[in-house]
Amino acid sequence: MNPENAVAAAVPVARLVLESELTIRHAETLHARLCEALAAGQGIEIDCRKAPQADLCFVQMLLAARRSAAASGKTCRMVQPLPPSLTQVLLQAGILHDDGSFADPSSSWLKD
């Protein structure tokens, strides 16, 4: 297992730490890690604070993971602060407003 993308199962929430690029180039590995973390507990906390780069592909995976978690009665939360590259992609995609609030209030899935 790559230590940069470690999953630590904690009851009841699995914590997924992502420190490498969150881009389409790494989509297969990121998808596998997200699925593994979702299966490991009653919820998932995604910590990508140290990730150097993110793109829209990763955002799409996050949204899909959130939907999958909700459909299974689980939670999917992001640890704050988000890396600047991910924040920029969320702004460009219209998911976040300039003030940091979510365009859809029900989409607030950041963990304080």
C-alpha atoms as a PDB file:
ATOM      1  CA  MET A   1       0.000   0.000   0.000  1.00  0.00           C
ATOM      2  CA  ASN A   2       1.305   3.432  -0.892  1.00  0.00           C
ATOM      3  CA  PRO A   3       1.803   5.401   2.373  1.00  0.00           C
ATOM      4  CA  GLU A   4       0.761   8.589   0.587  1.00  0.00           C
ATOM      5  CA  ASN A   5      -2.711   7.149   0.043  1.00  0.00           C
ATOM      6  CA  ALA A   6      -3.312   5.190   3.244  1.00  0.00           C
ATOM      7  CA  VAL A   7      -6.697   4.085   4.499  1.00  0.00           C
ATOM      8  CA  ALA A   8      -6.981   3.727   8.254  1.00  0.00           C
ATOM      9  CA  ALA A   9     -10.171   2.012   9.320  1.00  0.00           C
ATOM     10  CA  ALA A  10     -11.612   3.556  12.445  1.00  0.00           C
ATOM     11  CA  VAL A  11     -14.927   2.601  13.906  1.00  0.00           C
ATOM     12  CA  PRO A  12     -17.285   3.794  12.600  1.00  0.00           C
ATOM     13  CA  VAL A  13     -15.552   6.117  10.096  1.00  0.00           C
ATOM     14  CA  ALA A  14     -12.723   5.283   7.699  1.00  0.00           C
ATOM     15  CA  ARG A  15     -10.193   8.030   7.093  1.00  0.00           C
ATOM     16  CA  LEU A  16      -8.669   8.297   3.637  1.00  0.00           C
ATOM     17  CA  VAL A  17      -5.487  10.374   3.413  1.00  0.00           C
ATOM     18  CA  LEU A  18      -4.576  11.486  -0.102  1.00  0.00           C
ATOM     19  CA  GLU A  19      -1.275  13.321  -0.532  1.00  0.00           C
ATOM     20  CA  SER A  20      -0.506  12.718  -4.199  1.00  0.00           C
ATOM     21  CA  GLU A  21      -1.988  14.372  -7.290  1.00  0.00           C
ATOM     22  CA  LEU A  22      -5.780  14.149  -7.442  1.00  0.00           C
ATOM     23  CA  THR A  23      -6.044  14.080 -11.211  1.00  0.00           C
ATOM     24  CA  ILE A  24      -7.360  11.960 -14.061  1.00  0.00           C
ATOM     25  CA  ARG A  25      -3.879  10.518 -14.395  1.00  0.00           C
ATOM     26  CA  HIS A  26      -4.405   8.768 -11.032  1.00  0.00           C
ATOM     27  CA  ALA A  27      -8.148   8.101 -11.412  1.00  0.00           C
ATOM     28  CA  GLU A  28      -7.942   4.315 -11.233  1.00  0.00           C
ATOM     29  CA  THR A  29      -5.952   4.350  -7.993  1.00  0.00           C
ATOM     30  CA  LEU A  30      -8.087   7.113  -6.463  1.00  0.00           C
ATOM     31  CA  HIS A  31     -11.286   5.258  -7.339  1.00  0.00           C
ATOM     32  CA  ALA A  32      -9.989   2.052  -5.735  1.00  0.00           C
ATOM     33  CA  ARG A  33      -8.976   3.930  -2.562  1.00  0.00           C
ATOM     34  CA  LEU A  34     -12.367   5.639  -2.313  1.00  0.00           C
ATOM     35  CA  CYS A  35     -14.205   2.329  -2.753  1.00  0.00           C
ATOM     36  CA  GLU A  36     -11.980   0.643  -0.168  1.00  0.00           C
ATOM     37  CA  ALA A  37     -12.572   3.421   2.351  1.00  0.00           C
ATOM     38  CA  LEU A  38     -16.336   3.415   1.769  1.00  0.00           C
ATOM     39  CA  ALA A  39     -16.439  -0.330   2.381  1.00  0.00           C
ATOM     40  CA  ALA A  40     -14.314  -0.064   5.549  1.00  0.00           C
ATOM     41  CA  GLY A  41     -16.718   1.801   7.816  1.00  0.00           C
ATOM     42  CA  GLN A  42     -20.006   3.551   8.344  1.00  0.00           C
ATOM     43  CA  GLY A  43     -18.618   6.667   6.735  1.00  0.00           C
ATOM     44  CA  ILE A  44     -15.531   8.182   5.211  1.00  0.00           C
ATOM     45  CA  GLU A  45     -13.426  11.252   5.980  1.00  0.00           C
ATOM     46  CA  ILE A  46     -11.249  12.334   3.082  1.00  0.00           C
ATOM     47  CA  ASP A  47      -8.124  14.276   3.993  1.00  0.00           C
ATOM     48  CA  CYS A  48      -6.442  15.730   0.923  1.00  0.00           C
ATOM     49  CA  ARG A  49      -4.986  18.832   2.568  1.00  0.00           C
ATOM     50  CA  LYS A  50      -1.481  18.019   1.313  1.00  0.00           C
ATOM     51  CA  ALA A  51      -2.439  17.096  -2.255  1.00  0.00           C
ATOM     52  CA  PRO A  52      -0.476  19.293  -4.667  1.00  0.00           C
ATOM     53  CA  GLN A  53      -2.947  19.190  -7.571  1.00  0.00           C
ATOM     54  CA  ALA A  54      -6.606  18.376  -8.240  1.00  0.00           C
ATOM     55  CA  ASP A  55      -8.819  18.389 -11.303  1.00  0.00           C
ATOM     56  CA  LEU A  56     -12.476  18.016 -12.234  1.00  0.00           C
ATOM     57  CA  CYS A  57     -12.123  14.233 -12.539  1.00  0.00           C
ATOM     58  CA  PHE A  58     -11.407  14.055  -8.792  1.00  0.00           C
ATOM     59  CA  VAL A  59     -14.369  16.308  -8.032  1.00  0.00           C
ATOM     60  CA  GLN A  60     -16.597  13.974 -10.050  1.00  0.00           C
ATOM     61  CA  MET A  61     -15.273  11.024  -8.042  1.00  0.00           C
ATOM     62  CA  LEU A  62     -15.964  12.883  -4.791  1.00  0.00           C
ATOM     63  CA  LEU A  63     -19.527  13.622  -5.826  1.00  0.00           C
ATOM     64  CA  ALA A  64     -20.056   9.992  -6.866  1.00  0.00           C
ATOM     65  CA  ALA A  65     -18.553   8.761  -3.577  1.00  0.00           C
ATOM     66  CA  ARG A  66     -20.847  11.076  -1.663  1.00  0.00           C
ATOM     67  CA  ARG A  67     -23.885   9.755  -3.545  1.00  0.00           C
ATOM     68  CA  SER A  68     -22.797   6.141  -3.031  1.00  0.00           C
ATOM     69  CA  ALA A  69     -22.241   6.739   0.659  1.00  0.00           C
ATOM     70  CA  ALA A  70     -25.665   8.365   1.068  1.00  0.00           C
ATOM     71  CA  ALA A  71     -27.356   5.519  -0.803  1.00  0.00           C
ATOM     72  CA  SER A  72     -25.760   3.100   1.690  1.00  0.00           C
ATOM     73  CA  GLY A  73     -26.706   5.198   4.717  1.00  0.00           C
ATOM     74  CA  LYS A  74     -23.091   6.313   5.174  1.00  0.00           C
ATOM     75  CA  THR A  75     -21.417   9.709   5.364  1.00  0.00           C
ATOM     76  CA  CYS A  76     -18.747  11.220   3.150  1.00  0.00           C
ATOM     77  CA  ARG A  77     -16.957  14.285   4.505  1.00  0.00           C
ATOM     78  CA  MET A  78     -13.926  16.325   3.480  1.00  0.00           C
ATOM     79  CA  VAL A  79     -11.395  17.427   6.101  1.00  0.00           C
ATOM     80  CA  GLN A  80     -10.676  21.169   6.013  1.00  0.00           C
ATOM     81  CA  PRO A  81      -8.890  23.152   4.845  1.00  0.00           C
ATOM     82  CA  LEU A  82      -9.122  21.982   1.271  1.00  0.00           C
ATOM     83  CA  PRO A  83      -5.977  22.349  -0.814  1.00  0.00           C
ATOM     84  CA  PRO A  84      -5.946  25.484  -2.989  1.00  0.00           C
ATOM     85  CA  SER A  85      -6.008  23.460  -6.214  1.00  0.00           C
ATOM     86  CA  LEU A  86      -9.198  21.631  -5.166  1.00  0.00           C
ATOM     87  CA  THR A  87     -10.817  24.844  -3.954  1.00  0.00           C
ATOM     88  CA  GLN A  88     -10.077  26.417  -7.348  1.00  0.00           C
ATOM     89  CA  VAL A  89     -11.656  23.500  -9.240  1.00  0.00           C
ATOM     90  CA  LEU A  90     -14.759  23.646  -7.001  1.00  0.00           C
ATOM     91  CA  LEU A  91     -15.044  27.391  -7.696  1.00  0.00           C
ATOM     92  CA  GLN A  92     -14.626  26.923 -11.452  1.00  0.00           C
ATOM     93  CA  ALA A  93     -17.217  24.141 -11.471  1.00  0.00           C
ATOM     94  CA  GLY A  94     -19.724  26.364  -9.681  1.00  0.00           C
ATOM     95  CA  ILE A  95     -19.874  24.079  -6.646  1.00  0.00           C
ATOM     96  CA  LEU A  96     -18.420  26.731  -4.336  1.00  0.00           C
ATOM     97  CA  HIS A  97     -19.082  30.467  -4.292  1.00  0.00           C
ATOM     98  CA  ASP A  98     -16.257  32.972  -3.948  1.00  0.00           C
ATOM     99  CA  ASP A  99     -17.058  33.327  -0.236  1.00  0.00           C
ATOM    100  CA  GLY A 100     -16.480  29.577   0.284  1.00  0.00           C
ATOM    101  CA  SER A 101     -20.144  28.677   0.676  1.00  0.00           C
ATOM    102  CA  PHE A 102     -21.649  25.857  -1.348  1.00  0.00           C
ATOM    103  CA  ALA A 103     -23.853  26.736  -4.312  1.00  0.00           C
ATOM    104  CA  ASP A 104     -26.236  24.027  -3.103  1.00  0.00           C
ATOM    105  CA  PRO A 105     -26.575  24.306   0.698  1.00  0.00           C
ATOM    106  CA  SER A 106     -27.314  20.573   0.945  1.00  0.00           C
ATOM    107  CA  SER A 107     -23.835  19.980  -0.529  1.00  0.00           C
ATOM    108  CA  SER A 108     -22.039  21.213   2.560  1.00  0.00           C
ATOM    109  CA  TRP A 109     -19.915  18.150   3.255  1.00  0.00           C
ATOM    110  CA  LEU A 110     -16.842  19.686   4.779  1.00  0.00           C
ATOM    111  CA  LYS A 111     -15.757  18.424   8.182  1.00  0.00           C
ATOM    112  CA  ASP A 112     -14.886  21.237  10.584  1.00  0.00           C
END
